[in-house]
Every structure is written in C-alpha cells, then in structure tokens.
Amino acid sequence: MARTKQSPEFEIEVDGEPYVWRLQRQPQWSSDAAEYRGMAIAVRHKEGQREAVVEFPAGPQPKYGAPQLKAAQIAPELVARAIASAIVAGWEPLSRGKTVPIVVDETGG
C-alpha cells in the first residue's frame, strides 16, 4: 500500500477559537489550462470536522530552480485573515458537510 505524504498541521487561534491548518496545494501550473495557480490551505476548527480549502491567487511565477514553498514560511497573519474571510463568506466550521472551497485575495481578505 502506498504511503501518502501529508503536510504538517499548524495550530492558530482566530477570534478566540482554535483552528488547525495545512498547506493543501503548492503554487503550480494548472493541468487543464496553461495558467499558473496559487497556493491553497486546508483549514478546520480544532473540534470540528468540516474543512474549508482557502485558495489564493497566483503570485509571480518562481524562477527556475527556486525552492518550493514550505508551510512554515506562510505568515500566521495571512492564515488568520484567510480563516476570518472564510467565516464571513459563509463557512460554518462546526457544522458537518462537504469541504467548502473559498477564494480570497493575496492578502487573505
């Protein structure tokens, strides 16, 4: 059986509530179109089950041979703003259901 490599999870507090997040997708070229896609993070409430995948727009394309983005390099303030924006957009972290995709701007708003 193949083992999957998952990104480490990080804890963050937003408005007094504990959340867990991980890097879901590195910035990358899209397979269905010749376009560059931004990173995405998966977020869930520490006591909940429902995840939100927060997608960021593509930034400048990295230079050839540049190191890959690491989750630890992502600013906690950016993640906190993205979580707050997901809640404002209608994500209910303590409810049950399918994963909710949320698109934010480059500042997480």
Protein backbone atom coordinates (compact mmCIF):
# COMPACT_ATOMS: atom_id res chain seq x y z
CA MET A 1 0.00 0.00 0.00
CA ALA A 2 1.36 3.41 -0.95
CA ARG A 3 2.01 5.92 1.77
CA THR A 4 0.87 9.47 1.20
CA LYS A 5 2.99 12.37 2.30
CA GLN A 6 0.95 14.98 4.11
CA SER A 7 1.98 18.45 5.11
CA PRO A 8 2.37 19.10 8.81
CA GLU A 9 -0.57 20.73 10.54
CA PHE A 10 -0.26 24.02 12.38
CA GLU A 11 -2.47 25.43 15.10
CA ILE A 12 -3.73 29.01 15.05
CA GLU A 13 -6.24 30.99 17.07
CA VAL A 14 -8.71 33.30 15.32
CA ASP A 15 -11.20 35.36 17.36
CA GLY A 16 -10.54 33.14 20.38
CA GLU A 17 -11.28 29.89 18.51
CA PRO A 18 -8.65 27.19 17.84
CA TYR A 19 -8.10 26.10 14.23
CA VAL A 20 -5.77 23.66 12.51
CA TRP A 21 -4.42 24.33 9.02
CA ARG A 22 -2.05 22.75 6.50
CA LEU A 23 -0.70 23.58 3.07
CA GLN A 24 -3.10 21.84 0.67
CA ARG A 25 -1.53 22.86 -2.65
CA GLN A 26 1.74 24.45 -3.68
CA PRO A 27 1.63 27.23 -6.27
CA GLN A 28 1.74 25.32 -9.56
CA TRP A 29 0.89 25.18 -13.23
CA SER A 30 -2.67 24.05 -13.88
CA SER A 31 -3.03 20.76 -15.74
CA ASP A 32 -6.19 21.72 -17.63
CA ALA A 33 -5.03 25.13 -18.89
CA ALA A 34 -1.73 26.87 -19.44
CA GLU A 35 -2.07 29.02 -16.35
CA TYR A 36 -0.34 29.30 -13.02
CA ARG A 37 -2.43 28.62 -9.88
CA GLY A 38 -1.80 29.94 -6.41
CA MET A 39 -1.42 28.05 -3.16
CA ALA A 40 -4.32 26.64 -1.18
CA ILE A 41 -4.58 25.87 2.52
CA ALA A 42 -6.98 23.45 4.21
CA VAL A 43 -8.48 24.69 7.48
CA ARG A 44 -10.73 23.12 10.09
CA HIS A 45 -11.85 24.02 13.60
CA LYS A 46 -9.88 22.02 16.14
CA GLU A 47 -13.09 20.48 17.48
CA GLY A 48 -14.94 20.32 14.16
CA GLN A 49 -14.89 18.09 11.10
CA ARG A 50 -15.82 20.39 8.22
CA GLU A 51 -12.89 21.72 6.24
CA ALA A 52 -12.54 24.77 4.09
CA VAL A 53 -9.98 24.95 1.30
CA VAL A 54 -8.88 28.56 1.00
CA GLU A 55 -7.40 29.33 -2.41
CA PHE A 56 -5.09 32.27 -3.02
CA PRO A 57 -4.48 33.89 -6.42
CA ALA A 58 -1.32 33.08 -8.30
CA GLY A 59 1.53 35.40 -7.46
CA PRO A 60 4.62 35.95 -9.54
CA GLN A 61 5.96 32.76 -11.06
CA PRO A 62 9.04 31.47 -9.29
CA LYS A 63 12.39 31.40 -11.06
CA TYR A 64 13.51 28.08 -12.45
CA GLY A 65 15.13 26.02 -9.71
CA ALA A 66 13.69 28.09 -6.83
CA PRO A 67 12.93 26.10 -3.66
CA GLN A 68 9.34 25.06 -3.06
CA LEU A 69 7.11 26.94 -0.64
CA LYS A 70 7.09 25.46 2.86
CA ALA A 71 4.06 25.74 5.13
CA ALA A 72 6.23 27.21 7.89
CA GLN A 73 7.05 30.15 5.55
CA ILE A 74 3.42 31.27 5.37
CA ALA A 75 2.73 34.21 7.67
CA PRO A 76 0.30 33.40 10.53
CA GLU A 77 -1.39 36.78 9.97
CA LEU A 78 -2.20 35.78 6.38
CA VAL A 79 -3.73 32.49 7.55
CA ALA A 80 -5.74 34.23 10.28
CA ARG A 81 -7.16 36.77 7.78
CA ALA A 82 -7.99 33.94 5.35
CA ILE A 83 -9.85 32.00 8.07
CA ALA A 84 -11.79 35.11 9.10
CA SER A 85 -12.67 35.75 5.43
CA ALA A 86 -13.88 32.15 5.02
CA ILE A 87 -16.20 32.53 8.02
CA VAL A 88 -17.56 35.82 6.64
CA ALA A 89 -18.10 34.10 3.27
CA GLY A 90 -20.37 31.52 4.91
CA TRP A 91 -18.14 28.68 6.11
CA GLU A 92 -19.54 27.18 9.31
CA PRO A 93 -16.56 25.38 10.88
CA LEU A 94 -18.54 23.44 13.49
CA SER A 95 -21.17 22.15 11.07
CA ARG A 96 -20.98 18.90 9.14
CA GLY A 97 -20.80 18.54 5.41
CA LYS A 98 -18.57 18.70 2.39
CA THR A 99 -15.38 20.67 2.15
CA VAL A 100 -16.06 24.30 1.25
CA PRO A 101 -13.84 26.00 -1.35
CA ILE A 102 -13.21 29.70 -0.64
CA VAL A 103 -11.25 32.06 -2.88
CA VAL A 104 -9.51 35.04 -1.25
CA ASP A 105 -7.21 37.78 -2.49
CA GLU A 106 -3.45 37.82 -1.96
CA THR A 107 -3.86 39.44 1.48
CA GLY A 108 -6.29 36.78 2.68
CA GLY A 109 -9.28 39.15 2.59
